[in-house]
Amino acid sequence: MILIAAGSNLHFCGHDSQDIVLKAFKAISRMSHLKRVSSLYETPAWPDPADPPFINAAAEIETDMGPEALLAALHAIEAGFGRRRSERNAPRTLDLDLLAYHDILMAEDGQGPVLPHPRLRDRAFVLAPVAEIAPGWRHPVTGETATELLAATDASGVRKIA
């Protein structure tokens, strides 16, 4: 199972965060088979809750691209939506994360993706949409399901909106 997360909390070219996330999945569907897409979720910005709230969602896709090529394609989509990589955890127009690529494990080497996403287990704003579309997906390291991982996080600020 290949899982991707999307998030946005800044407008771009007249499009609000909800539109951006939906348009990002449309762009992803042009390069892969979009199997399932979650509802949209709103979460407070972190680390500064004074920033605009995030709109988050997740998707399951099928593709012939390998993890490195897929991550490069996701970064290209982000750039097309005005994503600027500056300060970590800063507000952004679009953030696309490759969460899992089947059961492949990849360590940080400064080049390609880290799989599964290293902070996936701690992020209720990612786990809520993943648990919606793939509740039985198992973390390839811990063996926990998406539902179990979500239950172990504080999801009090995560709200389904559409």
C-alpha atoms as a PDB file:
ATOM      1  CA  MET A   1       0.000   0.000   0.000  1.00  0.00           C
ATOM      2  CA  ILE A   2       1.344   3.433  -0.948  1.00  0.00           C
ATOM      3  CA  LEU A   3       0.091   6.243   1.295  1.00  0.00           C
ATOM      4  CA  ILE A   4       0.431   9.982   0.777  1.00  0.00           C
ATOM      5  CA  ALA A   5      -0.548  12.806   3.128  1.00  0.00           C
ATOM      6  CA  ALA A   6      -1.467  16.320   2.029  1.00  0.00           C
ATOM      7  CA  GLY A   7      -1.686  19.494   4.070  1.00  0.00           C
ATOM      8  CA  SER A   8      -2.109  23.208   3.451  1.00  0.00           C
ATOM      9  CA  ASN A   9      -2.640  26.312   5.535  1.00  0.00           C
ATOM     10  CA  LEU A  10      -1.894  29.136   3.097  1.00  0.00           C
ATOM     11  CA  HIS A  11      -3.866  30.351   0.087  1.00  0.00           C
ATOM     12  CA  PHE A  12      -2.298  30.297  -3.378  1.00  0.00           C
ATOM     13  CA  CYS A  13      -3.442  32.141  -6.508  1.00  0.00           C
ATOM     14  CA  GLY A  14      -6.952  32.660  -5.154  1.00  0.00           C
ATOM     15  CA  HIS A  15      -7.359  29.061  -3.951  1.00  0.00           C
ATOM     16  CA  ASP A  16      -7.967  28.289  -0.287  1.00  0.00           C
ATOM     17  CA  SER A  17      -6.354  25.352   1.524  1.00  0.00           C
ATOM     18  CA  GLN A  18      -9.275  22.995   0.869  1.00  0.00           C
ATOM     19  CA  ASP A  19      -9.083  23.667  -2.869  1.00  0.00           C
ATOM     20  CA  ILE A  20      -5.314  23.247  -2.867  1.00  0.00           C
ATOM     21  CA  VAL A  21      -5.455  19.832  -1.182  1.00  0.00           C
ATOM     22  CA  LEU A  22      -8.157  18.629  -3.574  1.00  0.00           C
ATOM     23  CA  LYS A  23      -6.298  19.988  -6.604  1.00  0.00           C
ATOM     24  CA  ALA A  24      -3.102  18.317  -5.386  1.00  0.00           C
ATOM     25  CA  PHE A  25      -4.844  14.943  -5.364  1.00  0.00           C
ATOM     26  CA  LYS A  26      -6.119  15.658  -8.862  1.00  0.00           C
ATOM     27  CA  ALA A  27      -2.518  16.320  -9.930  1.00  0.00           C
ATOM     28  CA  ILE A  28      -1.416  13.079  -8.252  1.00  0.00           C
ATOM     29  CA  SER A  29      -4.147  11.206 -10.138  1.00  0.00           C
ATOM     30  CA  ARG A  30      -2.577  12.299 -13.431  1.00  0.00           C
ATOM     31  CA  MET A  31       0.628  10.389 -12.596  1.00  0.00           C
ATOM     32  CA  SER A  32      -0.795   7.434 -10.653  1.00  0.00           C
ATOM     33  CA  HIS A  33      -3.982   5.545  -9.883  1.00  0.00           C
ATOM     34  CA  LEU A  34      -5.766   7.237  -7.003  1.00  0.00           C
ATOM     35  CA  LYS A  35      -7.441   4.374  -5.136  1.00  0.00           C
ATOM     36  CA  ARG A  36      -8.893   6.144  -2.102  1.00  0.00           C
ATOM     37  CA  VAL A  37      -8.942   9.681  -0.730  1.00  0.00           C
ATOM     38  CA  SER A  38      -9.938  10.582   2.804  1.00  0.00           C
ATOM     39  CA  SER A  39     -12.214  13.308   3.991  1.00  0.00           C
ATOM     40  CA  LEU A  40     -10.687  16.685   4.726  1.00  0.00           C
ATOM     41  CA  TYR A  41      -9.615  17.396   8.301  1.00  0.00           C
ATOM     42  CA  GLU A  42      -8.854  20.700   9.992  1.00  0.00           C
ATOM     43  CA  THR A  43      -6.178  20.944  12.657  1.00  0.00           C
ATOM     44  CA  PRO A  44      -4.606  23.849  14.511  1.00  0.00           C
ATOM     45  CA  ALA A  45      -1.279  25.048  13.189  1.00  0.00           C
ATOM     46  CA  TRP A  46       1.771  23.846  15.041  1.00  0.00           C
ATOM     47  CA  PRO A  47       4.029  25.030  16.572  1.00  0.00           C
ATOM     48  CA  ASP A  48       2.293  28.432  16.409  1.00  0.00           C
ATOM     49  CA  PRO A  49      -1.485  28.062  16.817  1.00  0.00           C
ATOM     50  CA  ALA A  50      -1.818  31.727  15.780  1.00  0.00           C
ATOM     51  CA  ASP A  51      -0.978  30.658  12.206  1.00  0.00           C
ATOM     52  CA  PRO A  52      -3.904  29.613   9.991  1.00  0.00           C
ATOM     53  CA  PRO A  53      -5.239  26.097  10.678  1.00  0.00           C
ATOM     54  CA  PHE A  54      -4.184  23.258   8.411  1.00  0.00           C
ATOM     55  CA  ILE A  55      -6.393  21.297   6.070  1.00  0.00           C
ATOM     56  CA  ASN A  56      -5.166  17.692   5.911  1.00  0.00           C
ATOM     57  CA  ALA A  57      -6.094  14.562   3.993  1.00  0.00           C
ATOM     58  CA  ALA A  58      -4.557  11.277   2.886  1.00  0.00           C
ATOM     59  CA  ALA A  59      -4.709   9.066  -0.178  1.00  0.00           C
ATOM     60  CA  GLU A  60      -3.825   5.561  -1.206  1.00  0.00           C
ATOM     61  CA  ILE A  61      -2.329   5.303  -4.685  1.00  0.00           C
ATOM     62  CA  GLU A  62      -0.913   2.748  -7.092  1.00  0.00           C
ATOM     63  CA  THR A  63       2.048   3.649  -9.262  1.00  0.00           C
ATOM     64  CA  ASP A  64       4.927   2.089 -11.150  1.00  0.00           C
ATOM     65  CA  MET A  65       7.260   4.830  -9.902  1.00  0.00           C
ATOM     66  CA  GLY A  66       9.735   3.864  -7.225  1.00  0.00           C
ATOM     67  CA  PRO A  67       9.833   5.745  -3.913  1.00  0.00           C
ATOM     68  CA  GLU A  68      12.539   8.204  -5.003  1.00  0.00           C
ATOM     69  CA  ALA A  69      10.802   9.098  -8.262  1.00  0.00           C
ATOM     70  CA  LEU A  70       7.452   9.399  -6.497  1.00  0.00           C
ATOM     71  CA  LEU A  71       8.873  11.737  -3.863  1.00  0.00           C
ATOM     72  CA  ALA A  72      10.440  13.884  -6.598  1.00  0.00           C
ATOM     73  CA  ALA A  73       7.074  14.031  -8.384  1.00  0.00           C
ATOM     74  CA  LEU A  74       5.331  15.044  -5.135  1.00  0.00           C
ATOM     75  CA  HIS A  75       7.899  17.816  -4.619  1.00  0.00           C
ATOM     76  CA  ALA A  76       7.243  19.034  -8.170  1.00  0.00           C
ATOM     77  CA  ILE A  77       3.505  19.218  -7.433  1.00  0.00           C
ATOM     78  CA  GLU A  78       4.248  21.171  -4.245  1.00  0.00           C
ATOM     79  CA  ALA A  79       6.374  23.621  -6.226  1.00  0.00           C
ATOM     80  CA  GLY A  80       3.533  24.051  -8.713  1.00  0.00           C
ATOM     81  CA  PHE A  81       1.399  25.249  -5.821  1.00  0.00           C
ATOM     82  CA  GLY A  82       3.985  27.783  -4.686  1.00  0.00           C
ATOM     83  CA  ARG A  83       5.613  25.689  -1.946  1.00  0.00           C
ATOM     84  CA  ARG A  84       8.753  27.326  -0.626  1.00  0.00           C
ATOM     85  CA  ARG A  85      10.943  25.259   1.654  1.00  0.00           C
ATOM     86  CA  SER A  86      12.189  27.645   4.289  1.00  0.00           C
ATOM     87  CA  GLU A  87      11.743  27.280   8.015  1.00  0.00           C
ATOM     88  CA  ARG A  88      10.704  23.873   9.361  1.00  0.00           C
ATOM     89  CA  ASN A  89       6.998  23.716  10.380  1.00  0.00           C
ATOM     90  CA  ALA A  90       6.341  27.113   8.788  1.00  0.00           C
ATOM     91  CA  PRO A  91       2.966  27.827   7.159  1.00  0.00           C
ATOM     92  CA  ARG A  92       2.838  26.449   3.615  1.00  0.00           C
ATOM     93  CA  THR A  93       0.672  26.363   0.541  1.00  0.00           C
ATOM     94  CA  LEU A  94       1.076  22.609   0.137  1.00  0.00           C
ATOM     95  CA  ASP A  95       2.888  19.794   1.873  1.00  0.00           C
ATOM     96  CA  LEU A  96       2.858  16.313   0.323  1.00  0.00           C
ATOM     97  CA  ASP A  97       4.430  13.521   2.336  1.00  0.00           C
ATOM     98  CA  LEU A  98       5.150   9.986   1.200  1.00  0.00           C
ATOM     99  CA  LEU A  99       4.055   8.099   4.314  1.00  0.00           C
ATOM    100  CA  ALA A 100       4.536   4.492   3.277  1.00  0.00           C
ATOM    101  CA  TYR A 101       5.518   2.601   0.150  1.00  0.00           C
ATOM    102  CA  HIS A 102       4.324  -0.957   0.649  1.00  0.00           C
ATOM    103  CA  ASP A 103       6.503  -2.471   3.388  1.00  0.00           C
ATOM    104  CA  ILE A 104       9.723  -0.857   2.181  1.00  0.00           C
ATOM    105  CA  LEU A 105      11.992   0.500   4.890  1.00  0.00           C
ATOM    106  CA  MET A 106      14.391   3.281   3.898  1.00  0.00           C
ATOM    107  CA  ALA A 107      16.710   5.119   6.261  1.00  0.00           C
ATOM    108  CA  GLU A 108      17.751   8.738   6.035  1.00  0.00           C
ATOM    109  CA  ASP A 109      20.654   9.189   3.647  1.00  0.00           C
ATOM    110  CA  GLY A 110      20.102  12.821   2.713  1.00  0.00           C
ATOM    111  CA  GLN A 111      18.938  11.769  -0.751  1.00  0.00           C
ATOM    112  CA  GLY A 112      15.705   9.809  -0.862  1.00  0.00           C
ATOM    113  CA  PRO A 113      12.641   9.356   1.280  1.00  0.00           C
ATOM    114  CA  VAL A 114      12.662   7.946   4.786  1.00  0.00           C
ATOM    115  CA  LEU A 115      10.104   5.151   4.917  1.00  0.00           C
ATOM    116  CA  PRO A 116       7.816   4.848   6.644  1.00  0.00           C
ATOM    117  CA  HIS A 117       7.594   8.582   7.331  1.00  0.00           C
ATOM    118  CA  PRO A 118       9.574   9.065  10.555  1.00  0.00           C
ATOM    119  CA  ARG A 119       6.933  11.146  12.379  1.00  0.00           C
ATOM    120  CA  LEU A 120       3.862   9.296  11.117  1.00  0.00           C
ATOM    121  CA  ARG A 121       3.227   7.530  14.437  1.00  0.00           C
ATOM    122  CA  ASP A 122       3.015  10.829  16.357  1.00  0.00           C
ATOM    123  CA  ARG A 123       0.775  12.860  14.064  1.00  0.00           C
ATOM    124  CA  ALA A 124      -2.950  12.572  14.676  1.00  0.00           C
ATOM    125  CA  PHE A 125      -3.578  14.975  11.784  1.00  0.00           C
ATOM    126  CA  VAL A 126      -2.040  12.363   9.467  1.00  0.00           C
ATOM    127  CA  LEU A 127      -3.279   9.251  11.239  1.00  0.00           C
ATOM    128  CA  ALA A 128      -6.960  10.331  11.279  1.00  0.00           C
ATOM    129  CA  PRO A 129      -7.255  10.467   7.470  1.00  0.00           C
ATOM    130  CA  VAL A 130      -5.076   7.355   7.051  1.00  0.00           C
ATOM    131  CA  ALA A 131      -7.223   5.410   9.529  1.00  0.00           C
ATOM    132  CA  GLU A 132     -10.310   6.506   7.582  1.00  0.00           C
ATOM    133  CA  ILE A 133      -9.115   5.078   4.245  1.00  0.00           C
ATOM    134  CA  ALA A 134      -6.879   2.245   5.467  1.00  0.00           C
ATOM    135  CA  PRO A 135      -7.771   1.337   9.071  1.00  0.00           C
ATOM    136  CA  GLY A 136      -6.036  -2.034   8.844  1.00  0.00           C
ATOM    137  CA  TRP A 137      -2.801  -0.733   7.314  1.00  0.00           C
ATOM    138  CA  ARG A 138       0.088  -1.902   9.487  1.00  0.00           C
ATOM    139  CA  HIS A 139       3.149   0.166  10.275  1.00  0.00           C
ATOM    140  CA  PRO A 140       5.991  -1.918   8.823  1.00  0.00           C
ATOM    141  CA  VAL A 141       8.198  -1.417  11.882  1.00  0.00           C
ATOM    142  CA  THR A 142       5.797  -1.610  14.829  1.00  0.00           C
ATOM    143  CA  GLY A 143       3.086  -3.802  13.289  1.00  0.00           C
ATOM    144  CA  GLU A 144       0.398  -1.517  14.711  1.00  0.00           C
ATOM    145  CA  THR A 145      -2.613  -0.717  12.540  1.00  0.00           C
ATOM    146  CA  ALA A 146      -3.493   2.839  11.551  1.00  0.00           C
ATOM    147  CA  THR A 147      -6.461   2.637  13.918  1.00  0.00           C
ATOM    148  CA  GLU A 148      -4.241   1.528  16.806  1.00  0.00           C
ATOM    149  CA  LEU A 149      -1.703   4.253  16.090  1.00  0.00           C
ATOM    150  CA  LEU A 150      -4.447   6.882  16.001  1.00  0.00           C
ATOM    151  CA  ALA A 151      -5.888   5.647  19.310  1.00  0.00           C
ATOM    152  CA  ALA A 152      -2.465   6.143  20.907  1.00  0.00           C
ATOM    153  CA  THR A 153      -2.267   9.842  19.904  1.00  0.00           C
ATOM    154  CA  ASP A 154      -4.035  12.961  21.116  1.00  0.00           C
ATOM    155  CA  ALA A 155      -6.501  13.603  18.303  1.00  0.00           C
ATOM    156  CA  SER A 156      -8.544  16.197  20.203  1.00  0.00           C
ATOM    157  CA  GLY A 157      -7.629  19.022  17.784  1.00  0.00           C
ATOM    158  CA  VAL A 158      -8.377  17.029  14.622  1.00  0.00           C
ATOM    159  CA  ARG A 159     -11.796  17.769  13.139  1.00  0.00           C
ATOM    160  CA  LYS A 160     -13.338  16.194  10.016  1.00  0.00           C
ATOM    161  CA  ILE A 161     -14.795  18.993   7.869  1.00  0.00           C
ATOM    162  CA  ALA A 162     -15.683  17.460   4.499  1.00  0.00           C
END
